[in-house]
Amino acid sequence: MNHKQQYNKLYQYGVADAFVGGLYKGTLPLKELKFKGDFGLGAPDMLDGELTMLDGKVYQTKATGETVEPDDNFKTSMLFTTFFKADTVITIENPIGEKALWEQISKELKNKNAMYAIKITGKFDHIKTRAFPPIKDEPFPVITSIFNTQKFFEFSNTQGTLIGYHLPEYLNGINSKGFHFHFLSSDKSQGGHVLDFTGKDLKIEIAEVKSFELEIPTDKDFQNFKFDTKDNEALKRVEQGK
């Protein structure tokens, strides 16, 4: 299958519930991801920062604030990507904040239960991002217990790209529902998970993703991970015929 045939197919390695539950060990080399997409988000091996994939290259924004391009053998614990090809393009010239922009984009997402890849390029008067520090010692803590270790970065008068997705409710837990974006500056020196921003002269490219491929890790940590039970009474009754 060539890249053209794979446009706007979402590939995901790893499961969000397991990742936030402490499965931070990288188990998939980046070189394997480059056959699956050129635009995506992910987590580095042992949670040293954030991964961002743009134009087929993967960048790691570390907890130090440094953004580097790791080699192809560097591993990820979770990453999702697609070969990006926009089917909707809009522009916004006037300054706009994060909340207002999400509201504006939401109006363009006609299929409320679809998956969307979204690329936003422009100027940012202000942008706030974060990255987690490295995790070293087992047993690894759940991610909510290490929020106090997050490193925050504030950038002013910068240009770059927001790389992200809007995913539906039914994927929550496998991934994360709603908007999820990382930032990468034009000079590739700034990045991280996006928390807030004000932008202008924005070009917004939206691609509706048509299919989804999930690959799960095969290591012992994933095999033995205990997921929280999610009961759906209607499904249970259908299964049991009563």
Protein backbone atom coordinates (compact mmCIF):
# COMPACT_ATOMS: atom_id res chain seq x y z
CA MET A 1 0.00 0.00 0.00
CA ASN A 2 1.52 3.32 -0.97
CA HIS A 3 1.31 6.57 0.98
CA LYS A 4 -1.42 8.00 -1.24
CA GLN A 5 -3.72 5.10 -0.38
CA GLN A 6 -3.07 5.65 3.33
CA TYR A 7 -4.04 9.33 3.47
CA ASN A 8 -6.22 10.20 6.47
CA LYS A 9 -6.07 6.77 8.04
CA LEU A 10 -5.26 7.06 11.74
CA TYR A 11 -2.66 4.63 13.06
CA GLN A 12 -2.13 4.35 16.80
CA TYR A 13 0.44 2.45 18.81
CA GLY A 14 -0.38 1.97 22.48
CA VAL A 15 -3.47 2.65 24.58
CA ALA A 16 -4.05 5.91 26.46
CA ASP A 17 -5.46 4.29 29.61
CA ALA A 18 -2.33 2.13 29.92
CA PHE A 19 -0.01 5.05 29.20
CA VAL A 20 -1.53 7.32 31.86
CA GLY A 21 -1.51 4.30 34.18
CA GLY A 22 2.29 4.21 34.08
CA LEU A 23 3.37 2.32 30.95
CA TYR A 24 6.08 4.77 29.91
CA LYS A 25 8.66 2.36 28.49
CA GLY A 26 9.23 2.86 24.78
CA THR A 27 8.56 -0.31 22.82
CA LEU A 28 8.28 0.83 19.18
CA PRO A 29 11.17 2.43 17.21
CA LEU A 30 10.36 5.67 15.44
CA LYS A 31 11.56 4.26 12.12
CA GLU A 32 8.55 1.94 12.06
CA LEU A 33 6.13 4.82 12.54
CA LYS A 34 7.34 6.61 9.44
CA PHE A 35 5.60 3.99 7.30
CA LYS A 36 2.33 4.79 9.07
CA GLY A 37 2.14 8.56 8.82
CA ASP A 38 3.82 11.95 8.59
CA PHE A 39 1.73 13.96 11.07
CA GLY A 40 1.17 12.98 14.68
CA LEU A 41 1.59 13.14 18.44
CA GLY A 42 3.16 10.87 20.99
CA ALA A 43 5.22 10.22 24.10
CA PRO A 44 8.97 9.57 24.29
CA ASP A 45 10.56 6.55 25.91
CA MET A 46 10.36 6.95 29.70
CA LEU A 47 8.34 10.15 29.39
CA ASP A 48 11.11 12.68 28.82
CA GLY A 49 8.93 15.35 27.26
CA GLU A 50 6.61 15.17 24.26
CA LEU A 51 6.87 13.85 20.68
CA THR A 52 5.57 15.74 17.67
CA MET A 53 5.55 14.46 14.10
CA LEU A 54 5.44 16.96 11.23
CA ASP A 55 6.24 16.44 7.54
CA GLY A 56 7.51 12.95 8.28
CA LYS A 57 10.04 13.98 10.93
CA VAL A 58 9.69 13.35 14.67
CA TYR A 59 10.74 15.95 17.24
CA GLN A 60 11.18 15.52 20.99
CA THR A 61 10.59 18.50 23.26
CA LYS A 62 12.37 17.60 26.49
CA ALA A 63 11.60 18.71 30.04
CA THR A 64 14.60 21.05 29.75
CA GLY A 65 12.74 22.94 27.00
CA GLU A 66 15.18 21.76 24.33
CA THR A 67 13.63 20.36 21.15
CA VAL A 68 15.67 17.75 19.26
CA GLU A 69 15.19 15.24 16.46
CA PRO A 70 15.82 11.77 17.94
CA ASP A 71 17.30 9.04 15.77
CA ASP A 72 15.19 6.35 14.10
CA ASN A 73 15.95 3.78 16.80
CA PHE A 74 14.52 5.97 19.56
CA LYS A 75 11.37 4.37 20.96
CA THR A 76 7.88 5.58 21.83
CA SER A 77 5.40 4.18 24.33
CA MET A 78 2.40 5.69 22.54
CA LEU A 79 2.02 7.61 19.29
CA PHE A 80 -0.72 8.23 16.74
CA THR A 81 -0.18 9.44 13.20
CA THR A 82 -1.67 9.81 9.74
CA PHE A 83 -0.55 10.80 6.27
CA PHE A 84 -2.11 14.26 6.35
CA LYS A 85 -4.12 15.65 3.44
CA ALA A 86 -6.57 18.46 4.19
CA ASP A 87 -10.09 18.50 2.79
CA THR A 88 -11.08 21.81 4.45
CA VAL A 89 -8.99 24.98 4.73
CA ILE A 90 -10.00 28.16 6.57
CA THR A 91 -8.07 31.28 7.57
CA ILE A 92 -8.36 33.60 10.56
CA GLU A 93 -6.47 36.89 10.41
CA ASN A 94 -7.47 38.62 13.64
CA PRO A 95 -5.99 37.61 17.02
CA ILE A 96 -7.86 34.72 18.61
CA GLY A 97 -7.42 32.72 21.81
CA GLU A 98 -7.46 28.97 22.30
CA LYS A 99 -11.06 28.61 23.52
CA ALA A 100 -12.49 30.82 20.78
CA LEU A 101 -10.49 29.01 18.11
CA TRP A 102 -11.70 25.59 19.26
CA GLU A 103 -15.27 26.88 19.09
CA GLN A 104 -14.66 28.18 15.57
CA ILE A 105 -13.10 24.93 14.39
CA SER A 106 -15.87 22.88 16.01
CA LYS A 107 -18.34 24.54 13.65
CA GLU A 108 -16.38 23.12 10.72
CA LEU A 109 -16.46 19.55 12.07
CA LYS A 110 -19.75 18.55 10.50
CA ASN A 111 -19.58 14.88 11.49
CA LYS A 112 -19.57 15.01 15.29
CA ASN A 113 -18.60 11.35 15.55
CA ALA A 114 -15.73 11.49 13.06
CA MET A 115 -11.99 11.64 13.70
CA TYR A 116 -10.19 14.76 12.50
CA ALA A 117 -6.52 15.64 12.01
CA ILE A 118 -5.96 19.41 12.25
CA LYS A 119 -2.93 21.49 11.28
CA ILE A 120 -2.78 25.17 12.31
CA THR A 121 0.03 27.34 10.99
CA GLY A 122 0.59 30.98 11.86
CA LYS A 123 1.87 33.59 14.29
CA PHE A 124 1.48 33.32 18.04
CA ASP A 125 1.68 36.36 20.30
CA HIS A 126 1.76 33.98 23.23
CA ILE A 127 1.79 30.22 23.63
CA LYS A 128 2.12 28.03 26.73
CA THR A 129 3.25 24.40 26.52
CA ARG A 130 4.38 21.68 28.89
CA ALA A 131 6.53 18.58 29.06
CA PHE A 132 6.96 15.86 31.68
CA PRO A 133 10.41 15.01 33.07
CA PRO A 134 12.04 11.57 32.72
CA ILE A 135 10.78 8.70 34.86
CA LYS A 136 13.50 6.39 36.14
CA ASP A 137 12.38 4.15 38.97
CA GLU A 138 9.86 1.32 39.02
CA PRO A 139 7.08 0.93 39.93
CA PHE A 140 6.20 3.82 37.65
CA PRO A 141 3.66 6.29 39.06
CA VAL A 142 0.35 7.01 37.35
CA ILE A 143 0.60 10.23 35.42
CA THR A 144 -1.91 12.15 37.57
CA SER A 145 0.41 11.73 40.56
CA ILE A 146 3.29 13.54 38.84
CA PHE A 147 1.48 16.65 37.61
CA ASN A 148 3.55 18.68 40.07
CA THR A 149 6.69 17.74 38.12
CA GLN A 150 5.48 19.16 34.80
CA LYS A 151 7.72 21.77 33.21
CA PHE A 152 5.95 24.74 31.63
CA PHE A 153 7.22 26.91 28.79
CA GLU A 154 5.94 30.31 27.67
CA PHE A 155 6.84 31.63 24.23
CA SER A 156 6.11 35.10 22.86
CA ASN A 157 6.00 36.43 19.29
CA THR A 158 6.80 33.12 17.64
CA GLN A 159 5.75 31.39 14.45
CA GLY A 160 5.00 27.74 14.01
CA THR A 161 2.49 24.94 13.73
CA LEU A 162 -0.07 23.34 16.01
CA ILE A 163 -0.25 19.63 15.22
CA GLY A 164 -3.32 17.90 16.57
CA TYR A 165 -6.52 15.93 16.47
CA HIS A 166 -10.14 16.10 17.50
CA LEU A 167 -11.34 12.63 18.44
CA PRO A 168 -14.84 11.39 19.34
CA GLU A 169 -16.22 10.21 22.66
CA TYR A 170 -16.11 6.52 21.73
CA LEU A 171 -12.30 6.55 21.49
CA ASN A 172 -11.82 8.05 24.95
CA GLY A 173 -9.61 5.73 26.96
CA ILE A 174 -8.09 4.23 23.84
CA ASN A 175 -7.02 7.78 23.03
CA SER A 176 -8.18 11.15 24.38
CA LYS A 177 -11.47 12.69 23.25
CA GLY A 178 -11.75 16.26 22.03
CA PHE A 179 -8.90 18.54 20.98
CA HIS A 180 -5.29 17.53 21.63
CA PHE A 181 -2.42 19.59 20.20
CA HIS A 182 1.35 19.90 20.31
CA PHE A 183 3.31 22.94 19.13
CA LEU A 184 6.42 23.11 16.97
CA SER A 185 8.01 26.44 16.11
CA SER A 186 9.12 27.16 12.55
CA ASP A 187 12.78 26.97 13.57
CA LYS A 188 12.11 23.67 15.43
CA SER A 189 13.55 25.05 18.69
CA GLN A 190 10.27 25.37 20.65
CA GLY A 191 7.59 22.79 21.32
CA GLY A 192 5.49 20.83 23.78
CA HIS A 193 1.92 19.91 24.65
CA VAL A 194 -0.30 22.96 24.08
CA LEU A 195 -2.05 24.46 27.13
CA ASP A 196 -2.95 27.98 25.97
CA PHE A 197 -2.23 30.44 23.18
CA THR A 198 -3.21 33.57 21.29
CA GLY A 199 -2.64 33.39 17.53
CA LYS A 200 -3.23 35.41 14.37
CA ASP A 201 -2.87 35.05 10.61
CA LEU A 202 -3.77 31.41 11.04
CA LYS A 203 -4.16 28.85 8.28
CA ILE A 204 -6.30 25.98 9.55
CA GLU A 205 -6.20 22.72 7.59
CA ILE A 206 -8.67 19.98 8.54
CA ALA A 207 -8.71 16.36 7.37
CA GLU A 208 -11.52 13.98 8.22
CA VAL A 209 -9.93 10.65 9.12
CA LYS A 210 -11.77 7.74 7.53
CA SER A 211 -10.41 4.69 9.37
CA PHE A 212 -8.51 3.66 12.46
CA GLU A 213 -5.78 1.06 13.08
CA LEU A 214 -4.77 0.18 16.63
CA GLU A 215 -1.57 -1.72 17.34
CA ILE A 216 -1.05 -2.85 20.92
CA PRO A 217 2.35 -3.46 22.54
CA THR A 218 3.39 -7.08 23.03
CA ASP A 219 5.72 -6.58 26.01
CA LYS A 220 5.02 -8.12 29.44
CA ASP A 221 4.15 -4.80 31.05
CA PHE A 222 1.25 -4.28 28.67
CA GLN A 223 0.17 -7.91 28.84
CA ASN A 224 -0.07 -7.69 32.63
CA PHE A 225 -1.56 -4.20 32.90
CA LYS A 226 -4.89 -4.12 34.73
CA PHE A 227 -7.38 -1.88 32.92
CA ASP A 228 -10.27 -0.33 34.81
CA THR A 229 -13.56 -2.12 34.21
CA LYS A 230 -15.97 -0.23 31.97
CA ASP A 231 -19.45 -1.68 32.16
CA ASN A 232 -22.05 -1.02 29.49
CA GLU A 233 -25.31 -2.54 30.70
CA ALA A 234 -26.99 -2.41 27.29
CA LEU A 235 -24.12 -4.26 25.62
CA LYS A 236 -24.01 -6.80 28.44
CA ARG A 237 -27.72 -7.52 28.06
CA VAL A 238 -27.38 -7.96 24.30
CA GLU A 239 -24.47 -10.36 24.82
CA GLN A 240 -26.37 -12.39 27.39
CA GLY A 241 -29.72 -12.25 25.56
CA LYS A 242 -31.67 -10.89 28.54
